[in-house]
N, C-alpha and C. Protein backbone atom coordinates (compact mmCIF):
# COMPACT_ATOMS: atom_id res chain seq x y z
N MET A 1 232.48 -19.28 95.67
CA MET A 1 233.43 -18.13 95.01
C MET A 1 234.47 -18.81 94.26
N ALA A 2 234.78 -17.32 93.86
CA ALA A 2 235.51 -17.17 92.45
C ALA A 2 237.02 -17.22 93.06
N ARG A 3 237.56 -18.20 91.82
CA ARG A 3 239.09 -18.04 92.87
C ARG A 3 240.17 -16.58 92.74
N GLY A 4 240.53 -16.15 93.70
CA GLY A 4 241.41 -15.29 93.65
C GLY A 4 240.42 -13.76 93.84
N SER A 5 238.94 -13.99 93.89
CA SER A 5 238.32 -13.22 94.52
C SER A 5 238.96 -11.92 95.31
N LYS A 6 239.04 -12.42 96.42
CA LYS A 6 239.50 -11.59 97.51
C LYS A 6 240.90 -11.15 97.72
N SER A 7 241.61 -11.53 96.50
CA SER A 7 242.85 -11.13 96.67
C SER A 7 242.61 -9.85 95.61
N ASN A 8 242.53 -10.12 94.70
CA ASN A 8 241.71 -9.09 93.82
C ASN A 8 241.48 -7.79 94.40
N ALA A 9 240.13 -8.02 94.91
CA ALA A 9 239.86 -6.52 95.83
C ALA A 9 240.37 -5.69 96.96
N ALA A 10 241.41 -6.55 97.49
CA ALA A 10 242.63 -6.18 98.69
C ALA A 10 243.95 -5.68 97.57
N ARG A 11 243.84 -5.88 96.33
CA ARG A 11 245.00 -5.08 95.71
C ARG A 11 244.31 -3.84 94.92
N LYS A 12 243.34 -3.32 95.32
CA LYS A 12 243.08 -2.45 93.86
C LYS A 12 243.41 -0.93 95.15
N VAL A 13 243.94 -0.23 94.79
CA VAL A 13 244.70 0.80 95.30
C VAL A 13 243.96 1.64 94.65
N GLU A 14 243.84 3.07 95.54
CA GLU A 14 243.44 4.14 94.67
C GLU A 14 244.77 5.27 94.49
N THR A 15 244.74 5.64 93.57
CA THR A 15 245.93 6.29 93.26
C THR A 15 245.61 7.92 93.40
N PRO A 16 246.32 8.95 93.78
CA PRO A 16 245.98 9.99 93.97
C PRO A 16 246.25 10.86 92.55
N VAL A 17 244.95 12.02 92.37
CA VAL A 17 245.55 12.66 91.88
C VAL A 17 246.23 13.77 91.60
N VAL A 18 246.87 13.58 90.33
CA VAL A 18 247.81 14.85 90.43
C VAL A 18 247.72 15.57 90.16
N SER A 19 247.30 17.08 89.94
CA SER A 19 247.39 18.14 88.92
C SER A 19 248.09 18.59 87.85
N ALA A 20 248.03 18.96 86.66
CA ALA A 20 249.21 19.61 85.70
C ALA A 20 249.45 20.75 86.68
N PRO A 21 250.85 21.09 86.18
CA PRO A 21 251.62 22.25 86.66
C PRO A 21 250.81 23.70 85.56
N SER A 22 250.43 24.47 86.34
CA SER A 22 250.23 25.67 85.33
C SER A 22 251.16 26.77 85.16
N PHE A 23 250.91 26.96 84.13
CA PHE A 23 252.30 27.74 83.10
C PHE A 23 251.15 28.93 83.25
N PRO A 24 252.04 30.17 82.70
CA PRO A 24 251.49 31.29 82.56
C PRO A 24 250.87 31.72 80.90
N THR A 25 250.13 32.73 80.79
CA THR A 25 248.97 32.64 79.73
C THR A 25 249.66 33.65 78.78
N THR A 26 249.70 33.52 77.97
CA THR A 26 250.64 34.63 76.72
C THR A 26 249.91 36.26 77.67
N ASP A 27 248.90 36.52 77.90
CA ASP A 27 248.74 37.75 78.32
C ASP A 27 249.30 38.25 79.59
N SER A 28 249.74 37.04 80.53
CA SER A 28 250.43 37.79 81.78
C SER A 28 251.91 37.62 81.37
N LEU A 29 252.39 36.79 80.20
CA LEU A 29 253.51 36.93 79.73
C LEU A 29 254.08 38.18 79.07
N VAL A 30 253.01 38.74 78.24
CA VAL A 30 253.38 40.14 77.69
C VAL A 30 253.31 40.95 78.91
N ALA A 31 252.59 40.66 80.00
CA ALA A 31 252.98 42.02 81.31
C ALA A 31 253.94 41.59 81.65
N SER A 32 254.59 40.38 81.71
CA SER A 32 256.32 40.51 82.15
C SER A 32 256.91 40.97 81.45
N GLY A 33 256.90 41.04 80.15
CA GLY A 33 258.08 41.76 79.35
C GLY A 33 258.11 40.79 78.58
N PHE A 34 257.83 40.26 77.80
CA PHE A 34 258.34 39.36 77.02
C PHE A 34 256.97 39.59 76.06
N ASN A 35 257.58 40.46 74.91
CA ASN A 35 256.95 41.13 74.13
C ASN A 35 256.64 40.25 73.18
N THR A 36 258.00 39.59 72.26
CA THR A 36 258.02 38.85 71.30
C THR A 36 257.72 37.32 71.42
N LYS A 37 257.04 36.59 70.30
CA LYS A 37 256.90 35.23 70.57
C LYS A 37 257.76 34.60 70.52
N SER A 38 258.83 34.44 70.25
CA SER A 38 260.28 33.68 70.67
C SER A 38 260.40 34.21 71.78
N ALA A 39 260.48 35.16 72.39
CA ALA A 39 260.94 35.10 73.96
C ALA A 39 260.01 34.49 74.82
N ARG A 40 258.54 34.52 73.88
CA ARG A 40 257.45 33.61 74.99
C ARG A 40 257.65 32.08 74.85
N ILE A 41 257.99 31.95 73.74
CA ILE A 41 258.68 30.65 73.86
C ILE A 41 259.77 30.13 74.44
N ARG A 42 260.62 30.61 74.64
CA ARG A 42 261.92 30.39 75.38
C ARG A 42 261.58 30.64 76.88
N GLU A 43 260.83 31.28 77.30
CA GLU A 43 260.49 31.62 78.72
C GLU A 43 259.65 30.15 78.93
N LEU A 44 258.47 30.09 78.24
CA LEU A 44 257.65 28.94 78.13
C LEU A 44 258.61 27.56 78.94
N ALA A 45 259.87 27.16 77.63
CA ALA A 45 260.43 26.14 77.50
C ALA A 45 261.06 25.96 79.03
N ARG A 46 261.95 27.59 78.96
CA ARG A 46 262.98 27.08 80.63
C ARG A 46 262.00 26.78 82.13
N LEU A 47 260.55 27.41 81.66
CA LEU A 47 259.61 26.50 82.99
C LEU A 47 259.25 25.39 82.42
N GLY A 48 259.22 24.81 81.69
CA GLY A 48 259.54 23.29 81.35
C GLY A 48 258.14 22.57 80.84
N MET A 49 257.66 23.79 79.89
CA MET A 49 256.11 23.19 79.26
C MET A 49 256.82 22.40 78.19
N SER A 50 255.93 21.82 77.49
CA SER A 50 256.37 20.92 76.25
C SER A 50 256.46 21.26 75.04
N LYS A 51 256.91 21.01 74.01
CA LYS A 51 257.13 22.04 72.54
C LYS A 51 255.27 22.24 72.12
N GLY A 52 255.24 20.58 72.28
CA GLY A 52 253.56 20.97 71.59
C GLY A 52 252.49 21.51 72.25
N ASP A 53 252.73 21.89 73.68
CA ASP A 53 251.88 22.75 74.65
C ASP A 53 252.41 23.97 73.93
N ILE A 54 253.66 24.26 74.03
CA ILE A 54 253.77 25.94 73.85
C ILE A 54 253.28 26.40 72.14
N ALA A 55 253.43 25.04 71.49
CA ALA A 55 252.67 25.23 69.60
C ALA A 55 251.26 25.46 70.08
N ARG A 56 250.58 24.89 70.61
CA ARG A 56 249.15 25.19 70.77
C ARG A 56 248.61 26.26 71.80
N GLN A 57 249.28 26.79 72.57
CA GLN A 57 249.16 28.22 73.29
C GLN A 57 250.12 29.41 72.56
N GLU A 58 251.00 29.44 71.69
CA GLU A 58 251.85 30.62 71.21
C GLU A 58 251.52 30.50 69.72
N THR A 59 251.17 29.54 69.15
CA THR A 59 251.78 29.42 67.34
C THR A 59 250.53 29.11 66.81
N ASN A 60 249.72 28.61 67.48
CA ASN A 60 248.08 28.08 66.53
C ASN A 60 248.38 26.90 66.36
N GLY A 61 249.50 25.93 67.09
CA GLY A 61 249.82 24.63 66.33
C GLY A 61 251.21 24.60 65.85
N LEU A 62 251.85 25.22 65.29
CA LEU A 62 253.17 25.71 64.34
C LEU A 62 254.42 25.03 65.49
N TYR A 63 254.23 23.68 65.30
CA TYR A 63 255.28 23.54 66.76
C TYR A 63 256.68 23.37 65.68
N GLN A 64 256.88 23.37 64.27
CA GLN A 64 258.14 23.59 63.72
C GLN A 64 258.56 25.00 64.25
N HIS A 65 257.98 26.03 64.28
CA HIS A 65 258.87 27.73 64.66
C HIS A 65 258.49 27.18 65.90
N VAL A 66 257.82 27.00 66.91
CA VAL A 66 258.87 26.30 68.48
C VAL A 66 259.90 25.82 68.53
N TYR A 67 260.21 24.42 67.43
CA TYR A 67 261.34 23.97 67.04
C TYR A 67 262.36 24.59 66.83
N ASN A 68 262.07 25.49 66.10
CA ASN A 68 263.44 26.28 65.56
C ASN A 68 263.89 27.31 66.57
N VAL A 69 262.62 28.25 67.27
CA VAL A 69 262.89 28.92 67.86
C VAL A 69 264.32 28.69 69.00
N LEU A 70 263.65 26.91 69.68
CA LEU A 70 264.25 26.82 70.71
C LEU A 70 265.91 25.93 70.39
N LYS A 71 265.82 25.83 68.99
CA LYS A 71 266.98 25.26 68.39
C LYS A 71 268.16 26.02 68.05
N ARG A 72 268.04 27.41 67.53
CA ARG A 72 268.71 28.37 67.56
C ARG A 72 269.17 29.26 68.68
N PRO A 73 270.47 29.59 68.63
CA PRO A 73 270.76 30.64 69.68
C PRO A 73 270.16 31.74 69.39
N LEU A 74 270.25 32.45 70.46
CA LEU A 74 269.86 34.15 69.97
C LEU A 74 271.04 34.74 69.95
N LYS A 75 270.45 35.35 68.54
CA LYS A 75 271.38 36.63 67.94
C LYS A 75 272.21 37.57 68.69
N LYS A 76 271.44 38.17 69.81
CA LYS A 76 272.16 38.96 70.89
C LYS A 76 271.98 38.67 71.99
N PRO A 77 272.77 38.39 72.85
CA PRO A 77 272.67 38.04 74.36
C PRO A 77 271.80 39.22 75.23
N ALA A 78 271.65 38.92 75.90
CA ALA A 78 270.83 39.53 76.90
C ALA A 78 271.80 40.92 77.70
N VAL A 79 271.30 41.68 78.04
CA VAL A 79 272.49 42.66 78.73
C VAL A 79 272.27 42.53 80.04
N ALA A 80 273.81 42.10 80.74
CA ALA A 80 273.52 41.98 81.87
C ALA A 80 274.17 42.98 82.47
N ALA A 81 273.74 42.81 83.65
CA ALA A 81 274.21 44.52 84.53
C ALA A 81 275.11 44.64 85.08
N PRO A 82 276.09 45.82 85.20
CA PRO A 82 277.25 45.73 85.64
C PRO A 82 277.80 44.87 86.76
N GLN A 83 279.02 44.66 86.84
CA GLN A 83 279.77 43.81 87.83
C GLN A 83 280.19 44.79 88.85
N ALA A 84 280.46 44.07 90.06
CA ALA A 84 280.81 45.19 91.01
C ALA A 84 282.24 45.83 90.86
N SER A 85 283.25 44.63 90.05
CA SER A 85 284.15 45.27 89.58
C SER A 85 284.81 46.85 88.86
N GLU A 86 283.38 46.46 88.07
CA GLU A 86 283.17 47.89 87.05
C GLU A 86 283.12 49.15 87.28
N THR A 87 281.91 49.16 88.90
CA THR A 87 281.88 50.37 89.15
C THR A 87 282.66 50.52 90.61
N ALA A 88 283.34 49.43 90.92
CA ALA A 88 284.27 49.55 92.21
C ALA A 88 285.12 50.97 91.54
N GLY A 89 285.69 50.95 90.98
CA GLY A 89 286.63 52.59 90.56
C GLY A 89 286.01 53.96 90.56
N ASP A 90 284.48 53.71 90.85
CA ASP A 90 283.97 55.52 90.67
C ASP A 90 283.97 55.28 91.96
N GLU A 91 283.74 54.58 93.38
CA GLU A 91 283.70 54.45 94.42
C GLU A 91 285.08 55.53 95.14
N THR A 92 286.27 54.93 94.48
CA THR A 92 287.61 54.88 95.31
C THR A 92 288.56 56.27 95.05
N ASP A 93 287.61 57.00 93.05
CA ASP A 93 288.23 57.90 92.53
C ASP A 93 288.52 59.56 93.54
N SER A 94 288.57 59.97 94.26
CA SER A 94 288.59 61.32 95.41
C SER A 94 289.43 62.35 94.95
N ASN A 95 290.19 62.46 93.35
CA ASN A 95 291.34 63.16 93.49
C ASN A 95 290.35 64.57 93.34
N ALA A 96 289.64 65.01 94.18
CA ALA A 96 288.86 66.51 94.05
C ALA A 96 289.65 67.22 95.00
């Protein structure tokens, strides 16, 4: 019998199969309101998709475009909903 053959068989451990996270497709992102390529790139990055995978899915492999979109800040910020303090004055105004 070969030296150590029993211990090697006992050490064999099966590794669990881990599935990759599923990310939305381009069509589902467009349906969700992300109409521009840059918006889709930012959303996929926010969800944790790698730049390389985003480049393959959204830009046919143009990694530099993905990098540039994620590097540069938005030119105009997203419009936020009005705060409660801004609308509170409308409810208490009863001069009629």
